[in-house]
């Protein structure tokens, strides 16, 4: 659906995926089988997610 454009020093991923696509998703998978939670702010996801 999209690509990661930037990763900050906290590990936050910035993508080019439309918000309407994100709203329907519950998580993401990236190359290598890693998964990540989706949130608009740090408080939206559990620590370590």
PDB file of N, CA and C in Angstrom:
ATOM      1  N   UNK A   1       0.834  -1.193   0.000  1.00  0.00           N
ATOM      2  CA  UNK A   1       0.000   0.000   0.000  1.00  0.00           C
ATOM      3  C   UNK A   1       0.868   1.242   0.000  1.00  0.00           C
ATOM      4  N   UNK A   2       2.020   1.206   0.676  1.00  0.00           N
ATOM      5  CA  UNK A   2       2.848   2.397   0.751  1.00  0.00           C
ATOM      6  C   UNK A   2       4.251   2.072   1.210  1.00  0.00           C
ATOM      7  N   UNK A   3       4.985   3.120   1.542  1.00  0.00           N
ATOM      8  CA  UNK A   3       6.378   2.981   1.948  1.00  0.00           C
ATOM      9  C   UNK A   3       6.648   3.805   3.196  1.00  0.00           C
ATOM     10  N   UNK A   4       7.653   3.371   3.953  1.00  0.00           N
ATOM     11  CA  UNK A   4       8.151   4.164   5.071  1.00  0.00           C
ATOM     12  C   UNK A   4       9.058   5.237   4.483  1.00  0.00           C
ATOM     13  N   UNK A   5       8.772   6.490   4.825  1.00  0.00           N
ATOM     14  CA  UNK A   5       9.552   7.612   4.307  1.00  0.00           C
ATOM     15  C   UNK A   5      10.644   8.051   5.266  1.00  0.00           C
ATOM     16  N   UNK A   6      10.410   7.821   6.561  1.00  0.00           N
ATOM     17  CA  UNK A   6      11.331   8.336   7.574  1.00  0.00           C
ATOM     18  C   UNK A   6      11.121   7.567   8.865  1.00  0.00           C
ATOM     19  N   UNK A   7      12.194   7.322   9.609  1.00  0.00           N
ATOM     20  CA  UNK A   7      12.121   6.743  10.950  1.00  0.00           C
ATOM     21  C   UNK A   7      12.882   7.679  11.876  1.00  0.00           C
ATOM     22  N   UNK A   8      12.204   8.197  12.913  1.00  0.00           N
ATOM     23  CA  UNK A   8      12.891   9.117  13.822  1.00  0.00           C
ATOM     24  C   UNK A   8      13.660   8.346  14.891  1.00  0.00           C
ATOM     25  N   UNK A   9      14.360   9.051  15.768  1.00  0.00           N
ATOM     26  CA  UNK A   9      15.206   8.395  16.763  1.00  0.00           C
ATOM     27  C   UNK A   9      14.414   7.673  17.852  1.00  0.00           C
ATOM     28  N   UNK A  10      13.096   7.836  17.900  1.00  0.00           N
ATOM     29  CA  UNK A  10      12.240   7.079  18.813  1.00  0.00           C
ATOM     30  C   UNK A  10      11.720   5.801  18.165  1.00  0.00           C
ATOM     31  N   UNK A  11      11.920   5.646  16.867  1.00  0.00           N
ATOM     32  CA  UNK A  11      11.405   4.493  16.145  1.00  0.00           C
ATOM     33  C   UNK A  11      10.061   4.732  15.497  1.00  0.00           C
ATOM     34  N   UNK A  12       9.602   5.981  15.501  1.00  0.00           N
ATOM     35  CA  UNK A  12       8.338   6.331  14.861  1.00  0.00           C
ATOM     36  C   UNK A  12       8.507   6.284  13.346  1.00  0.00           C
ATOM     37  N   UNK A  13       7.584   5.604  12.671  1.00  0.00           N
ATOM     38  CA  UNK A  13       7.631   5.508  11.216  1.00  0.00           C
ATOM     39  C   UNK A  13       6.705   6.538  10.593  1.00  0.00           C
ATOM     40  N   UNK A  14       7.201   7.274   9.630  1.00  0.00           N
ATOM     41  CA  UNK A  14       6.391   8.197   8.840  1.00  0.00           C
ATOM     42  C   UNK A  14       6.237   7.546   7.468  1.00  0.00           C
ATOM     43  N   UNK A  15       4.982   7.416   7.002  1.00  0.00           N
ATOM     44  CA  UNK A  15       4.723   6.733   5.737  1.00  0.00           C
ATOM     45  C   UNK A  15       4.000   7.643   4.749  1.00  0.00           C
ATOM     46  N   UNK A  16       3.823   7.122   3.550  1.00  0.00           N
ATOM     47  CA  UNK A  16       3.019   7.811   2.546  1.00  0.00           C
ATOM     48  C   UNK A  16       1.664   7.114   2.376  1.00  0.00           C
ATOM     49  N   UNK A  17       1.212   6.397   3.400  1.00  0.00           N
ATOM     50  CA  UNK A  17      -0.065   5.687   3.361  1.00  0.00           C
ATOM     51  C   UNK A  17      -1.173   6.646   3.775  1.00  0.00           C
ATOM     52  N   UNK A  18      -2.236   6.688   2.985  1.00  0.00           N
ATOM     53  CA  UNK A  18      -3.365   7.588   3.251  1.00  0.00           C
ATOM     54  C   UNK A  18      -4.044   7.240   4.574  1.00  0.00           C
ATOM     55  N   UNK A  19      -4.498   8.262   5.281  1.00  0.00           N
ATOM     56  CA  UNK A  19      -5.197   8.066   6.545  1.00  0.00           C
ATOM     57  C   UNK A  19      -6.392   7.144   6.421  1.00  0.00           C
ATOM     58  N   UNK A  20      -7.099   7.211   5.304  1.00  0.00           N
ATOM     59  CA  UNK A  20      -8.267   6.346   5.099  1.00  0.00           C
ATOM     60  C   UNK A  20      -7.866   4.875   5.044  1.00  0.00           C
ATOM     61  N   UNK A  21      -6.673   4.569   4.566  1.00  0.00           N
ATOM     62  CA  UNK A  21      -6.175   3.191   4.552  1.00  0.00           C
ATOM     63  C   UNK A  21      -5.780   2.752   5.957  1.00  0.00           C
ATOM     64  N   UNK A  22      -5.170   3.642   6.711  1.00  0.00           N
ATOM     65  CA  UNK A  22      -4.730   3.333   8.070  1.00  0.00           C
ATOM     66  C   UNK A  22      -5.924   3.059   8.976  1.00  0.00           C
ATOM     67  N   UNK A  23      -6.999   3.808   8.826  1.00  0.00           N
ATOM     68  CA  UNK A  23      -8.175   3.645   9.683  1.00  0.00           C
ATOM     69  C   UNK A  23      -8.738   2.236   9.626  1.00  0.00           C
ATOM     70  N   UNK A  24      -8.596   1.544   8.511  1.00  0.00           N
ATOM     71  CA  UNK A  24      -9.130   0.190   8.363  1.00  0.00           C
ATOM     72  C   UNK A  24      -8.174  -0.872   8.879  1.00  0.00           C
ATOM     73  N   UNK A  25      -6.923  -0.531   9.087  1.00  0.00           N
ATOM     74  CA  UNK A  25      -5.905  -1.511   9.474  1.00  0.00           C
ATOM     75  C   UNK A  25      -5.784  -1.621  10.990  1.00  0.00           C
ATOM     76  N   UNK A  26      -5.333  -2.779  11.462  1.00  0.00           N
ATOM     77  CA  UNK A  26      -5.092  -2.981  12.893  1.00  0.00           C
ATOM     78  C   UNK A  26      -3.605  -3.079  13.206  1.00  0.00           C
ATOM     79  N   UNK A  27      -2.787  -3.264  12.193  1.00  0.00           N
ATOM     80  CA  UNK A  27      -1.345  -3.354  12.365  1.00  0.00           C
ATOM     81  C   UNK A  27      -0.691  -3.396  11.002  1.00  0.00           C
ATOM     82  N   UNK A  28       0.624  -3.405  11.010  1.00  0.00           N
ATOM     83  CA  UNK A  28       1.359  -3.461   9.751  1.00  0.00           C
ATOM     84  C   UNK A  28       2.430  -4.533   9.839  1.00  0.00           C
ATOM     85  N   UNK A  29       2.788  -5.081   8.701  1.00  0.00           N
ATOM     86  CA  UNK A  29       3.904  -6.014   8.590  1.00  0.00           C
ATOM     87  C   UNK A  29       4.932  -5.386   7.669  1.00  0.00           C
ATOM     88  N   UNK A  30       6.181  -5.532   8.051  1.00  0.00           N
ATOM     89  CA  UNK A  30       7.254  -4.987   7.235  1.00  0.00           C
ATOM     90  C   UNK A  30       8.199  -6.114   6.843  1.00  0.00           C
ATOM     91  N   UNK A  31       9.048  -5.846   5.879  1.00  0.00           N
ATOM     92  CA  UNK A  31       9.997  -6.853   5.413  1.00  0.00           C
ATOM     93  C   UNK A  31      10.715  -7.490   6.595  1.00  0.00           C
ATOM     94  N   UNK A  32      10.914  -8.765   6.518  1.00  0.00           N
ATOM     95  CA  UNK A  32      11.573  -9.477   7.599  1.00  0.00           C
ATOM     96  C   UNK A  32      10.606 -10.002   8.638  1.00  0.00           C
ATOM     97  N   UNK A  33       9.302  -9.750   8.446  1.00  0.00           N
ATOM     98  CA  UNK A  33       8.296 -10.291   9.348  1.00  0.00           C
ATOM     99  C   UNK A  33       8.025  -9.476  10.591  1.00  0.00           C
ATOM    100  N   UNK A  34       8.613  -8.303  10.712  1.00  0.00           N
ATOM    101  CA  UNK A  34       8.347  -7.448  11.866  1.00  0.00           C
ATOM    102  C   UNK A  34       6.931  -6.891  11.778  1.00  0.00           C
ATOM    103  N   UNK A  35       6.286  -6.736  12.924  1.00  0.00           N
ATOM    104  CA  UNK A  35       4.958  -6.124  12.946  1.00  0.00           C
ATOM    105  C   UNK A  35       4.974  -4.917  13.867  1.00  0.00           C
ATOM    106  N   UNK A  36       4.045  -4.018  13.654  1.00  0.00           N
ATOM    107  CA  UNK A  36       3.970  -2.805  14.464  1.00  0.00           C
ATOM    108  C   UNK A  36       2.522  -2.412  14.667  1.00  0.00           C
ATOM    109  N   UNK A  37       2.251  -1.795  15.806  1.00  0.00           N
ATOM    110  CA  UNK A  37       0.922  -1.261  16.088  1.00  0.00           C
ATOM    111  C   UNK A  37       0.755   0.064  15.353  1.00  0.00           C
ATOM    112  N   UNK A  38      -0.488   0.470  15.185  1.00  0.00           N
ATOM    113  CA  UNK A  38      -0.786   1.737  14.516  1.00  0.00           C
ATOM    114  C   UNK A  38      -1.414   2.687  15.518  1.00  0.00           C
ATOM    115  N   UNK A  39      -0.926   3.919  15.567  1.00  0.00           N
ATOM    116  CA  UNK A  39      -1.510   4.933  16.429  1.00  0.00           C
ATOM    117  C   UNK A  39      -1.193   6.316  15.906  1.00  0.00           C
ATOM    118  N   UNK A  40      -2.024   7.261  16.289  1.00  0.00           N
ATOM    119  CA  UNK A  40      -1.781   8.651  15.879  1.00  0.00           C
ATOM    120  C   UNK A  40      -0.802   9.330  16.833  1.00  0.00           C
ATOM    121  N   UNK A  41      -0.762   8.863  18.093  1.00  0.00           N
ATOM    122  CA  UNK A  41       0.167   9.412  19.082  1.00  0.00           C
ATOM    123  C   UNK A  41       0.802   8.263  19.854  1.00  0.00           C
ATOM    124  N   UNK A  42       1.848   8.554  20.621  1.00  0.00           N
ATOM    125  CA  UNK A  42       2.500   7.526  21.430  1.00  0.00           C
ATOM    126  C   UNK A  42       1.531   6.888  22.412  1.00  0.00           C
ATOM    127  N   UNK A  43       0.586   7.657  22.944  1.00  0.00           N
ATOM    128  CA  UNK A  43      -0.365   7.151  23.921  1.00  0.00           C
ATOM    129  C   UNK A  43      -1.393   6.196  23.352  1.00  0.00           C
ATOM    130  N   UNK A  44      -1.480   6.095  22.039  1.00  0.00           N
ATOM    131  CA  UNK A  44      -2.454   5.206  21.400  1.00  0.00           C
ATOM    132  C   UNK A  44      -2.052   3.736  21.443  1.00  0.00           C
ATOM    133  N   UNK A  45      -0.791   3.432  21.669  1.00  0.00           N
ATOM    134  CA  UNK A  45      -0.323   2.041  21.651  1.00  0.00           C
ATOM    135  C   UNK A  45       0.311   1.681  22.987  1.00  0.00           C
ATOM    136  N   UNK A  46       0.324   0.387  23.281  1.00  0.00           N
ATOM    137  CA  UNK A  46       0.916  -0.103  24.520  1.00  0.00           C
ATOM    138  C   UNK A  46       2.440   0.044  24.475  1.00  0.00           C
ATOM    139  N   UNK A  47       3.080   0.238  25.637  1.00  0.00           N
ATOM    140  CA  UNK A  47       4.545   0.296  25.670  1.00  0.00           C
ATOM    141  C   UNK A  47       5.147  -0.978  25.071  1.00  0.00           C
ATOM    142  N   UNK A  48       6.155  -0.814  24.251  1.00  0.00           N
ATOM    143  CA  UNK A  48       6.818  -1.940  23.616  1.00  0.00           C
ATOM    144  C   UNK A  48       6.147  -2.438  22.352  1.00  0.00           C
ATOM    145  N   UNK A  49       4.998  -1.842  22.000  1.00  0.00           N
ATOM    146  CA  UNK A  49       4.266  -2.304  20.804  1.00  0.00           C
ATOM    147  C   UNK A  49       4.986  -1.911  19.541  1.00  0.00           C
TER     148      UNK A  49
END
